[in-house]
């Protein structure tokens, strides 16, 4: 597979208006042939989000959801070393769980005792 990719990369040298972007979460596993001059010349490392960035990611993924009793800042604090995809999954899984709980008899009750379900 690497051989085919190298052939394709070498063919791109005749296409000056083409920009190839690749991503990996395992840069140490990249074949050194991919990193030779004229192939993948530039490597950018994107670090995991800090607390403020995690909060912003959580806010984006939850902006249209009712968040009774949910403190996104607290979740941002508790999710150090999580990436954006993991935070999106957390948000989606929490939303699904909230729907499941709300559909149960008696619905969902918030910490203040107010009923949020059926």
Protein backbone atom coordinates (compact mmCIF):
# COMPACT_ATOMS: atom_id res chain seq x y z
CA UNK A 1 0.00 0.00 0.00
CA UNK A 2 2.84 2.39 0.80
CA UNK A 3 4.34 1.74 -2.62
CA UNK A 4 1.12 2.76 -4.38
CA UNK A 5 0.87 5.90 -2.23
CA UNK A 6 4.48 6.83 -3.06
CA UNK A 7 3.76 6.42 -6.77
CA UNK A 8 0.72 8.68 -6.48
CA UNK A 9 2.69 11.28 -4.49
CA UNK A 10 5.46 11.32 -7.07
CA UNK A 11 2.84 11.90 -9.77
CA UNK A 12 1.60 15.00 -7.94
CA UNK A 13 4.85 16.85 -8.61
CA UNK A 14 3.43 17.82 -12.01
CA UNK A 15 0.37 19.40 -10.32
CA UNK A 16 1.54 22.67 -8.73
CA UNK A 17 -2.00 23.70 -7.72
CA UNK A 18 -2.67 20.54 -5.70
CA UNK A 19 -2.20 20.54 -1.94
CA UNK A 20 -2.20 17.17 -0.24
CA UNK A 21 -3.03 17.01 3.45
CA UNK A 22 -2.73 13.85 5.50
CA UNK A 23 -3.39 13.19 9.16
CA UNK A 24 -2.36 10.51 11.62
CA UNK A 25 -2.50 9.97 15.34
CA UNK A 26 0.61 7.80 15.08
CA UNK A 27 3.34 9.88 13.41
CA UNK A 28 6.02 7.51 14.67
CA UNK A 29 4.55 4.80 12.42
CA UNK A 30 4.97 6.79 9.19
CA UNK A 31 7.22 5.17 6.62
CA UNK A 32 10.34 7.34 6.20
CA UNK A 33 9.90 7.19 2.42
CA UNK A 34 6.78 9.34 2.84
CA UNK A 35 8.82 12.08 4.47
CA UNK A 36 11.48 12.47 1.77
CA UNK A 37 11.81 15.82 0.02
CA UNK A 38 9.11 16.46 -2.52
CA UNK A 39 6.56 14.20 -0.89
CA UNK A 40 5.20 15.21 2.50
CA UNK A 41 7.52 18.14 3.16
CA UNK A 42 5.79 19.82 6.08
CA UNK A 43 4.63 18.26 9.32
CA UNK A 44 2.41 20.11 11.76
CA UNK A 45 1.79 18.75 15.22
CA UNK A 46 -1.58 19.64 16.67
CA UNK A 47 -1.54 19.22 20.42
CA UNK A 48 -4.51 18.13 22.49
CA UNK A 49 -6.82 20.99 23.47
CA UNK A 50 -6.24 22.84 26.72
CA UNK A 51 -9.05 23.49 29.22
CA UNK A 52 -10.33 26.61 27.43
CA UNK A 53 -10.31 24.82 24.07
CA UNK A 54 -12.07 21.78 25.52
CA UNK A 55 -14.76 24.09 26.92
CA UNK A 56 -15.17 25.75 23.52
CA UNK A 57 -15.46 22.34 21.82
CA UNK A 58 -18.08 21.22 24.33
CA UNK A 59 -20.01 24.45 23.84
CA UNK A 60 -20.06 24.00 20.06
CA UNK A 61 -21.29 20.41 20.32
CA UNK A 62 -23.97 21.28 22.87
CA UNK A 63 -25.13 24.70 21.68
CA UNK A 64 -28.61 23.52 20.64
CA UNK A 65 -29.17 21.16 23.56
CA UNK A 66 -30.97 21.95 26.80
CA UNK A 67 -28.33 21.55 29.48
CA UNK A 68 -30.21 21.40 32.76
CA UNK A 69 -27.74 20.84 35.59
CA UNK A 70 -24.76 20.46 33.23
CA UNK A 71 -21.63 22.50 33.93
CA UNK A 72 -19.53 22.33 30.77
CA UNK A 73 -16.62 24.01 32.57
CA UNK A 74 -16.52 21.13 35.02
CA UNK A 75 -16.55 18.65 32.14
CA UNK A 76 -13.75 20.56 30.43
CA UNK A 77 -11.73 20.30 33.65
CA UNK A 78 -12.34 16.55 33.90
CA UNK A 79 -11.40 15.71 30.32
CA UNK A 80 -7.70 16.58 30.20
CA UNK A 81 -5.89 14.57 27.50
CA UNK A 82 -9.13 14.21 25.48
CA UNK A 83 -9.21 15.24 21.83
CA UNK A 84 -12.02 16.99 19.98
CA UNK A 85 -13.49 13.77 18.59
CA UNK A 86 -13.67 12.27 22.07
CA UNK A 87 -15.40 15.40 23.39
CA UNK A 88 -17.92 15.27 20.53
CA UNK A 89 -18.59 11.61 21.31
CA UNK A 90 -19.05 12.44 25.01
CA UNK A 91 -21.59 15.12 24.08
CA UNK A 92 -23.50 12.81 21.74
CA UNK A 93 -23.51 9.91 24.17
CA UNK A 94 -24.71 12.17 26.99
CA UNK A 95 -27.52 13.48 24.80
CA UNK A 96 -28.61 9.93 23.93
CA UNK A 97 -28.55 8.93 27.59
CA UNK A 98 -30.62 12.00 28.52
CA UNK A 99 -33.22 11.05 25.90
CA UNK A 100 -33.32 7.48 27.24
CA UNK A 101 -33.80 8.69 30.81
CA UNK A 102 -36.45 11.22 29.83
CA UNK A 103 -38.42 8.53 27.99
CA UNK A 104 -38.55 6.32 31.09
CA UNK A 105 -41.66 6.44 33.29
CA UNK A 106 -41.38 9.46 35.55
CA UNK A 107 -38.98 11.20 33.18
CA UNK A 108 -35.90 13.05 34.27
CA UNK A 109 -35.75 15.11 37.43
CA UNK A 110 -33.06 17.74 37.84
CA UNK A 111 -31.17 18.27 41.07
CA UNK A 112 -33.67 20.95 42.08
CA UNK A 113 -36.50 18.41 41.83
CA UNK A 114 -38.19 19.90 38.78
CA UNK A 115 -39.59 17.41 36.26
CA UNK A 116 -38.05 17.49 32.78
CA UNK A 117 -39.74 14.44 31.31
CA UNK A 118 -43.12 13.04 30.46
